[in-house]
Amino acid sequence: MNGREGDMRLRTLLLLSGIGFLAVATPISARISSAAILHMLDTDNDATVDLAEAKQAGAAVFDRLDSDKDGTLNVDELSGRLTKEEIEAGNPGHKDNLTRDQYLAIVDLRFKGVDSSHDQKLDIQELSSPSGESLVKLIVYRILI
């Protein structure tokens, strides 16, 4: 291998490393489009996500994250979706974990915080907002894993 081939290989390796870093560091909305997220969550095909759809998706995410199948999620299982402080706030007993009902209560609160039109449905603009991304972390599994 001559010097030029080595330089090209090094540049290619650095480029691929940079792409991998960007995939981790890029905001959710840039990794998966809001339209794709809406399509995944919109089970009744009305171009919105209602609370029932959000909770159904949240329950499925909870089940996938519950790796030890003990019916709760701890800080490690939540994989950066909620901080320890958010977990404690969502759990009246201030334990370091959340039950499924507590997790879905947080989904409910975040949904209401995103619903700026107060119509009990989230459109693509609402899902694209910073508070929408906060909700998406709880109801879409594959974006962080």
N, C-alpha and C. Protein backbone atom coordinates (compact mmCIF):
# COMPACT_ATOMS: atom_id res chain seq x y z
N MET A 1 0.87 -1.17 0.00
CA MET A 1 0.00 0.00 0.00
C MET A 1 0.92 1.23 0.00
N ASN A 2 0.63 2.13 -0.95
CA ASN A 2 1.45 3.35 -1.00
C ASN A 2 0.86 4.40 -0.07
N GLY A 3 1.56 5.52 0.04
CA GLY A 3 1.14 6.58 0.95
C GLY A 3 -0.23 7.14 0.62
N ARG A 4 -0.54 7.24 -0.66
CA ARG A 4 -1.82 7.79 -1.09
C ARG A 4 -2.98 6.87 -0.69
N GLU A 5 -2.79 5.55 -0.88
CA GLU A 5 -3.83 4.59 -0.48
C GLU A 5 -4.04 4.62 1.03
N GLY A 6 -2.96 4.75 1.77
CA GLY A 6 -3.05 4.83 3.23
C GLY A 6 -3.80 6.07 3.68
N ASP A 7 -3.52 7.19 3.01
CA ASP A 7 -4.24 8.43 3.32
C ASP A 7 -5.73 8.28 3.05
N MET A 8 -6.07 7.65 1.94
CA MET A 8 -7.49 7.46 1.58
C MET A 8 -8.19 6.55 2.61
N ARG A 9 -7.51 5.51 3.02
CA ARG A 9 -8.09 4.60 4.02
C ARG A 9 -8.30 5.33 5.35
N LEU A 10 -7.31 6.13 5.73
CA LEU A 10 -7.42 6.89 6.97
C LEU A 10 -8.57 7.88 6.89
N ARG A 11 -8.68 8.59 5.77
CA ARG A 11 -9.78 9.54 5.59
C ARG A 11 -11.14 8.83 5.64
N THR A 12 -11.21 7.68 4.98
CA THR A 12 -12.46 6.91 4.99
C THR A 12 -12.81 6.48 6.41
N LEU A 13 -11.83 5.98 7.16
CA LEU A 13 -12.05 5.56 8.54
C LEU A 13 -12.51 6.74 9.39
N LEU A 14 -11.86 7.89 9.24
CA LEU A 14 -12.25 9.07 10.01
C LEU A 14 -13.66 9.53 9.64
N LEU A 15 -13.99 9.48 8.36
CA LEU A 15 -15.33 9.86 7.92
C LEU A 15 -16.38 8.94 8.52
N LEU A 16 -16.13 7.63 8.46
CA LEU A 16 -17.09 6.68 9.03
C LEU A 16 -17.20 6.84 10.54
N SER A 17 -16.10 7.10 11.21
CA SER A 17 -16.15 7.34 12.65
C SER A 17 -16.98 8.57 12.96
N GLY A 18 -16.80 9.62 12.17
CA GLY A 18 -17.56 10.85 12.36
C GLY A 18 -19.04 10.63 12.14
N ILE A 19 -19.40 9.83 11.14
CA ILE A 19 -20.81 9.53 10.88
C ILE A 19 -21.40 8.78 12.07
N GLY A 20 -20.66 7.82 12.60
CA GLY A 20 -21.14 7.09 13.77
C GLY A 20 -21.36 8.01 14.96
N PHE A 21 -20.43 8.95 15.16
CA PHE A 21 -20.58 9.91 16.25
C PHE A 21 -21.82 10.77 16.03
N LEU A 22 -22.02 11.24 14.81
CA LEU A 22 -23.18 12.08 14.52
C LEU A 22 -24.48 11.34 14.76
N ALA A 23 -24.50 10.06 14.46
CA ALA A 23 -25.72 9.28 14.67
C ALA A 23 -26.09 9.22 16.14
N VAL A 24 -25.08 9.23 17.01
CA VAL A 24 -25.34 9.21 18.45
C VAL A 24 -25.64 10.61 18.97
N ALA A 25 -24.94 11.62 18.46
CA ALA A 25 -25.04 12.97 19.02
C ALA A 25 -26.14 13.81 18.39
N THR A 26 -26.69 13.38 17.28
CA THR A 26 -27.71 14.16 16.58
C THR A 26 -29.04 14.06 17.30
N PRO A 27 -29.81 15.15 17.37
CA PRO A 27 -31.12 15.10 18.01
C PRO A 27 -32.03 14.06 17.35
N ILE A 28 -32.99 13.58 18.12
CA ILE A 28 -33.90 12.54 17.66
C ILE A 28 -34.55 12.91 16.34
N SER A 29 -35.05 14.14 16.25
CA SER A 29 -35.79 14.53 15.06
C SER A 29 -34.93 14.49 13.81
N ALA A 30 -33.63 14.65 13.96
CA ALA A 30 -32.76 14.59 12.80
C ALA A 30 -32.42 13.15 12.43
N ARG A 31 -32.46 12.24 13.39
CA ARG A 31 -32.15 10.84 13.11
C ARG A 31 -33.33 10.13 12.48
N ILE A 32 -34.50 10.35 12.99
CA ILE A 32 -35.72 9.78 12.43
C ILE A 32 -36.66 10.96 12.23
N SER A 33 -37.15 11.11 11.04
CA SER A 33 -37.98 12.27 10.76
C SER A 33 -39.25 12.24 11.59
N SER A 34 -39.77 13.40 11.86
CA SER A 34 -41.04 13.50 12.60
C SER A 34 -42.15 12.80 11.83
N ALA A 35 -42.09 12.87 10.51
CA ALA A 35 -43.11 12.19 9.69
C ALA A 35 -43.04 10.68 9.91
N ALA A 36 -41.84 10.12 9.98
CA ALA A 36 -41.70 8.68 10.21
C ALA A 36 -42.19 8.31 11.61
N ILE A 37 -41.90 9.15 12.58
CA ILE A 37 -42.37 8.90 13.95
C ILE A 37 -43.89 8.94 13.98
N LEU A 38 -44.47 9.96 13.37
CA LEU A 38 -45.93 10.07 13.31
C LEU A 38 -46.53 8.83 12.65
N HIS A 39 -45.94 8.40 11.56
CA HIS A 39 -46.46 7.23 10.84
C HIS A 39 -46.39 5.97 11.72
N MET A 40 -45.31 5.82 12.49
CA MET A 40 -45.16 4.66 13.37
C MET A 40 -46.23 4.63 14.46
N LEU A 41 -46.56 5.81 14.99
CA LEU A 41 -47.45 5.88 16.15
C LEU A 41 -48.93 5.99 15.78
N ASP A 42 -49.24 6.46 14.59
CA ASP A 42 -50.60 6.77 14.17
C ASP A 42 -51.32 5.51 13.69
N THR A 43 -51.83 4.74 14.63
CA THR A 43 -52.46 3.46 14.28
C THR A 43 -53.82 3.61 13.61
N ASP A 44 -54.49 4.74 13.80
CA ASP A 44 -55.79 4.94 13.15
C ASP A 44 -55.69 5.77 11.87
N ASN A 45 -54.48 6.10 11.46
CA ASN A 45 -54.21 6.79 10.20
C ASN A 45 -54.96 8.10 10.03
N ASP A 46 -55.01 8.90 11.09
CA ASP A 46 -55.68 10.21 10.99
C ASP A 46 -54.67 11.36 10.97
N ALA A 47 -53.40 11.05 10.76
CA ALA A 47 -52.31 12.03 10.68
C ALA A 47 -52.06 12.74 12.01
N THR A 48 -52.47 12.14 13.11
CA THR A 48 -52.20 12.65 14.45
C THR A 48 -51.92 11.47 15.38
N VAL A 49 -51.41 11.79 16.56
CA VAL A 49 -51.22 10.79 17.62
C VAL A 49 -52.08 11.23 18.79
N ASP A 50 -53.02 10.37 19.17
CA ASP A 50 -53.84 10.70 20.34
C ASP A 50 -53.24 10.04 21.58
N LEU A 51 -53.81 10.34 22.73
CA LEU A 51 -53.25 9.83 23.98
C LEU A 51 -53.27 8.31 24.03
N ALA A 52 -54.32 7.68 23.53
CA ALA A 52 -54.39 6.22 23.54
C ALA A 52 -53.25 5.62 22.71
N GLU A 53 -52.96 6.20 21.55
CA GLU A 53 -51.87 5.71 20.72
C GLU A 53 -50.53 5.93 21.42
N ALA A 54 -50.36 7.07 22.06
CA ALA A 54 -49.12 7.36 22.78
C ALA A 54 -48.94 6.38 23.94
N LYS A 55 -50.00 6.11 24.68
CA LYS A 55 -49.89 5.18 25.81
C LYS A 55 -49.66 3.75 25.34
N GLN A 56 -50.30 3.37 24.24
CA GLN A 56 -50.08 2.03 23.69
C GLN A 56 -48.60 1.87 23.31
N ALA A 57 -48.05 2.87 22.64
CA ALA A 57 -46.64 2.83 22.27
C ALA A 57 -45.75 2.86 23.51
N GLY A 58 -46.12 3.68 24.50
CA GLY A 58 -45.35 3.75 25.75
C GLY A 58 -45.34 2.43 26.49
N ALA A 59 -46.47 1.75 26.50
CA ALA A 59 -46.55 0.44 27.17
C ALA A 59 -45.63 -0.57 26.47
N ALA A 60 -45.60 -0.52 25.14
CA ALA A 60 -44.74 -1.43 24.39
C ALA A 60 -43.26 -1.13 24.67
N VAL A 61 -42.92 0.15 24.75
CA VAL A 61 -41.54 0.54 25.07
C VAL A 61 -41.19 0.07 26.48
N PHE A 62 -42.11 0.28 27.43
CA PHE A 62 -41.87 -0.18 28.80
C PHE A 62 -41.53 -1.67 28.80
N ASP A 63 -42.35 -2.46 28.13
CA ASP A 63 -42.14 -3.91 28.10
C ASP A 63 -40.79 -4.28 27.51
N ARG A 64 -40.37 -3.58 26.47
CA ARG A 64 -39.06 -3.88 25.86
C ARG A 64 -37.91 -3.46 26.76
N LEU A 65 -38.09 -2.36 27.48
CA LEU A 65 -37.01 -1.88 28.35
C LEU A 65 -36.87 -2.69 29.63
N ASP A 66 -37.93 -3.35 30.05
CA ASP A 66 -37.92 -4.11 31.30
C ASP A 66 -37.12 -5.41 31.12
N SER A 67 -35.81 -5.26 31.04
CA SER A 67 -34.94 -6.39 30.69
C SER A 67 -34.94 -7.50 31.72
N ASP A 68 -35.13 -7.18 32.98
CA ASP A 68 -35.16 -8.23 34.00
C ASP A 68 -36.57 -8.72 34.29
N LYS A 69 -37.54 -8.19 33.58
CA LYS A 69 -38.95 -8.61 33.66
C LYS A 69 -39.50 -8.61 35.08
N ASP A 70 -39.11 -7.57 35.85
CA ASP A 70 -39.61 -7.46 37.22
C ASP A 70 -40.79 -6.50 37.33
N GLY A 71 -41.25 -5.96 36.20
CA GLY A 71 -42.40 -5.06 36.22
C GLY A 71 -42.08 -3.63 36.57
N THR A 72 -40.79 -3.32 36.67
CA THR A 72 -40.36 -1.94 36.93
C THR A 72 -39.19 -1.60 36.02
N LEU A 73 -38.96 -0.30 35.86
CA LEU A 73 -37.79 0.17 35.13
C LEU A 73 -36.92 0.98 36.08
N ASN A 74 -35.63 0.66 36.09
CA ASN A 74 -34.69 1.43 36.90
C ASN A 74 -33.92 2.39 35.98
N VAL A 75 -33.01 3.14 36.55
CA VAL A 75 -32.26 4.14 35.80
C VAL A 75 -31.53 3.51 34.62
N ASP A 76 -30.92 2.36 34.85
CA ASP A 76 -30.18 1.69 33.78
C ASP A 76 -31.11 1.25 32.65
N GLU A 77 -32.24 0.69 33.00
CA GLU A 77 -33.17 0.22 31.97
C GLU A 77 -33.79 1.37 31.18
N LEU A 78 -33.89 2.53 31.80
CA LEU A 78 -34.48 3.68 31.11
C LEU A 78 -33.53 4.30 30.08
N SER A 79 -32.31 3.88 30.04
CA SER A 79 -31.36 4.24 28.99
C SER A 79 -31.34 5.72 28.63
N GLY A 80 -31.37 6.59 29.61
CA GLY A 80 -31.31 8.02 29.34
C GLY A 80 -32.62 8.66 28.93
N ARG A 81 -33.70 7.93 29.00
CA ARG A 81 -35.01 8.48 28.63
C ARG A 81 -35.55 9.39 29.73
N LEU A 82 -35.24 9.06 30.97
CA LEU A 82 -35.63 9.86 32.13
C LEU A 82 -34.43 9.97 33.06
N THR A 83 -34.31 11.10 33.71
CA THR A 83 -33.25 11.25 34.70
C THR A 83 -33.67 10.60 36.01
N LYS A 84 -32.74 10.42 36.89
CA LYS A 84 -33.04 9.87 38.22
C LYS A 84 -34.06 10.75 38.94
N GLU A 85 -33.92 12.07 38.77
CA GLU A 85 -34.85 13.01 39.41
C GLU A 85 -36.27 12.85 38.83
N GLU A 86 -36.37 12.65 37.53
CA GLU A 86 -37.69 12.44 36.92
C GLU A 86 -38.31 11.12 37.37
N ILE A 87 -37.47 10.11 37.55
CA ILE A 87 -37.97 8.83 38.06
C ILE A 87 -38.51 9.01 39.47
N GLU A 88 -37.76 9.70 40.32
CA GLU A 88 -38.21 9.93 41.70
C GLU A 88 -39.49 10.76 41.73
N ALA A 89 -39.60 11.76 40.85
CA ALA A 89 -40.81 12.58 40.81
C ALA A 89 -42.01 11.78 40.33
N GLY A 90 -41.78 10.80 39.47
CA GLY A 90 -42.87 9.96 38.97
C GLY A 90 -43.26 8.84 39.90
N ASN A 91 -42.49 8.65 40.97
CA ASN A 91 -42.72 7.58 41.91
C ASN A 91 -42.95 8.17 43.29
N PRO A 92 -44.20 8.17 43.75
CA PRO A 92 -44.51 8.79 45.05
C PRO A 92 -43.69 8.23 46.21
N GLY A 93 -43.26 6.97 46.12
CA GLY A 93 -42.45 6.37 47.18
C GLY A 93 -40.98 6.74 47.08
N HIS A 94 -40.62 7.53 46.07
CA HIS A 94 -39.25 7.97 45.82
C HIS A 94 -38.26 6.82 45.78
N LYS A 95 -38.69 5.74 45.14
CA LYS A 95 -37.77 4.63 44.88
C LYS A 95 -37.05 4.93 43.58
N ASP A 96 -36.04 4.14 43.29
CA ASP A 96 -35.25 4.36 42.09
C ASP A 96 -35.79 3.61 40.87
N ASN A 97 -37.10 3.38 40.84
CA ASN A 97 -37.67 2.69 39.69
C ASN A 97 -39.11 3.14 39.46
N LEU A 98 -39.65 2.77 38.31
CA LEU A 98 -41.03 3.12 37.96
C LEU A 98 -41.79 1.87 37.58
N THR A 99 -43.02 1.79 38.03
CA THR A 99 -43.91 0.73 37.56
C THR A 99 -44.45 1.13 36.18
N ARG A 100 -45.12 0.22 35.53
CA ARG A 100 -45.71 0.51 34.23
C ARG A 100 -46.73 1.66 34.34
N ASP A 101 -47.58 1.62 35.37
CA ASP A 101 -48.57 2.69 35.54
C ASP A 101 -47.91 4.04 35.77
N GLN A 102 -46.83 4.07 36.54
CA GLN A 102 -46.12 5.32 36.77
C GLN A 102 -45.46 5.83 35.49
N TYR A 103 -44.89 4.92 34.72
CA TYR A 103 -44.28 5.29 33.43
C TYR A 103 -45.34 5.88 32.50
N LEU A 104 -46.50 5.24 32.43
CA LEU A 104 -47.57 5.73 31.56
C LEU A 104 -48.16 7.05 32.07
N ALA A 105 -48.11 7.28 33.37
CA ALA A 105 -48.55 8.57 33.91
C ALA A 105 -47.61 9.69 33.43
N ILE A 106 -46.32 9.39 33.33
CA ILE A 106 -45.37 10.38 32.81
C ILE A 106 -45.61 10.60 31.32
N VAL A 107 -45.91 9.52 30.58
CA VAL A 107 -46.28 9.66 29.17
C VAL A 107 -47.48 10.60 29.05
N ASP A 108 -48.48 10.39 29.91
CA ASP A 108 -49.68 11.23 29.90
C ASP A 108 -49.34 12.70 30.15
N LEU A 109 -48.53 12.96 31.16
CA LEU A 109 -48.13 14.34 31.47
C LEU A 109 -47.36 14.98 30.32
N ARG A 110 -46.43 14.24 29.75
CA ARG A 110 -45.66 14.80 28.64
C ARG A 110 -46.55 15.03 27.42
N PHE A 111 -47.49 14.12 27.18
CA PHE A 111 -48.42 14.29 26.06
C PHE A 111 -49.18 15.60 26.22
N LYS A 112 -49.72 15.82 27.39
CA LYS A 112 -50.47 17.05 27.65
C LYS A 112 -49.60 18.29 27.51
N GLY A 113 -48.34 18.19 27.88
CA GLY A 113 -47.43 19.30 27.72
C GLY A 113 -47.09 19.61 26.27
N VAL A 114 -47.17 18.61 25.42
CA VAL A 114 -46.88 18.78 23.99
C VAL A 114 -48.10 19.29 23.24
N ASP A 115 -49.29 18.98 23.72
CA ASP A 115 -50.55 19.29 23.03
C ASP A 115 -50.87 20.79 23.12
N SER A 116 -50.12 21.59 22.36
CA SER A 116 -50.28 23.04 22.43
C SER A 116 -51.63 23.51 21.87
N SER A 117 -52.24 22.72 21.00
CA SER A 117 -53.55 23.09 20.44
C SER A 117 -54.70 22.65 21.35
N HIS A 118 -54.40 21.87 22.38
CA HIS A 118 -55.38 21.38 23.36
C HIS A 118 -56.55 20.64 22.70
N ASP A 119 -56.22 19.84 21.67
CA ASP A 119 -57.26 19.06 20.98
C ASP A 119 -57.13 17.56 21.26
N GLN A 120 -56.30 17.18 22.21
CA GLN A 120 -56.04 15.80 22.59
C GLN A 120 -55.43 14.97 21.46
N LYS A 121 -54.81 15.65 20.51
CA LYS A 121 -54.11 14.99 19.41
C LYS A 121 -52.84 15.77 19.11
N LEU A 122 -51.80 15.04 18.75
CA LEU A 122 -50.53 15.68 18.41
C LEU A 122 -50.32 15.57 16.91
N ASP A 123 -50.03 16.72 16.29
CA ASP A 123 -49.73 16.71 14.87
C ASP A 123 -48.21 16.73 14.69
N ILE A 124 -47.77 16.77 13.47
CA ILE A 124 -46.34 16.69 13.19
C ILE A 124 -45.56 17.85 13.78
N GLN A 125 -46.15 19.05 13.81
CA GLN A 125 -45.45 20.20 14.40
C GLN A 125 -45.26 20.03 15.90
N GLU A 126 -46.29 19.53 16.57
CA GLU A 126 -46.19 19.32 18.01
C GLU A 126 -45.15 18.23 18.32
N LEU A 127 -45.15 17.15 17.55
CA LEU A 127 -44.17 16.09 17.77
C LEU A 127 -42.75 16.56 17.49
N SER A 128 -42.59 17.54 16.61
CA SER A 128 -41.26 18.05 16.24
C SER A 128 -40.69 19.03 17.25
N SER A 129 -41.52 19.50 18.16
CA SER A 129 -41.08 20.49 19.15
C SER A 129 -40.13 19.84 20.16
N PRO A 130 -39.37 20.65 20.91
CA PRO A 130 -38.51 20.08 21.96
C PRO A 130 -39.31 19.25 22.98
N SER A 131 -40.48 19.71 23.37
CA SER A 131 -41.27 18.92 24.31
C SER A 131 -41.80 17.66 23.63
N GLY A 132 -42.04 17.73 22.33
CA GLY A 132 -42.45 16.55 21.58
C GLY A 132 -41.35 15.51 21.56
N GLU A 133 -40.11 15.96 21.40
CA GLU A 133 -38.98 15.03 21.42
C GLU A 133 -38.85 14.37 22.79
N SER A 134 -39.16 15.11 23.84
CA SER A 134 -39.12 14.55 25.19
C SER A 134 -40.14 13.42 25.33
N LEU A 135 -41.31 13.61 24.75
CA LEU A 135 -42.33 12.55 24.75
C LEU A 135 -41.89 11.37 23.90
N VAL A 136 -41.36 11.66 22.73
CA VAL A 136 -40.95 10.60 21.80
C VAL A 136 -39.94 9.66 22.45
N LYS A 137 -39.08 10.19 23.31
CA LYS A 137 -38.11 9.34 24.01
C LYS A 137 -38.80 8.23 24.80
N LEU A 138 -40.01 8.49 25.24
CA LEU A 138 -40.73 7.51 26.07
C LEU A 138 -41.61 6.56 25.26
N ILE A 139 -41.92 6.92 24.03
CA ILE A 139 -42.90 6.12 23.29
C ILE A 139 -42.38 5.51 21.99
N VAL A 140 -41.12 5.76 21.67
CA VAL A 140 -40.50 5.15 20.50
C VAL A 140 -39.22 4.46 20.96
N TYR A 141 -39.18 3.16 20.83
CA TYR A 141 -38.04 2.38 21.35
C TYR A 141 -36.77 2.57 20.55
N ARG A 142 -36.82 2.42 19.27
CA ARG A 142 -35.62 2.27 18.47
C ARG A 142 -34.77 3.52 18.31
N ILE A 143 -35.24 4.68 18.68
CA ILE A 143 -34.47 5.89 18.44
C ILE A 143 -33.23 5.98 19.32
N LEU A 144 -33.25 5.35 20.46
CA LEU A 144 -32.10 5.47 21.37
C LEU A 144 -31.31 4.19 21.50
N ILE A 145 -31.87 3.12 21.05
CA ILE A 145 -31.22 1.82 21.27
C ILE A 145 -30.41 1.42 20.07
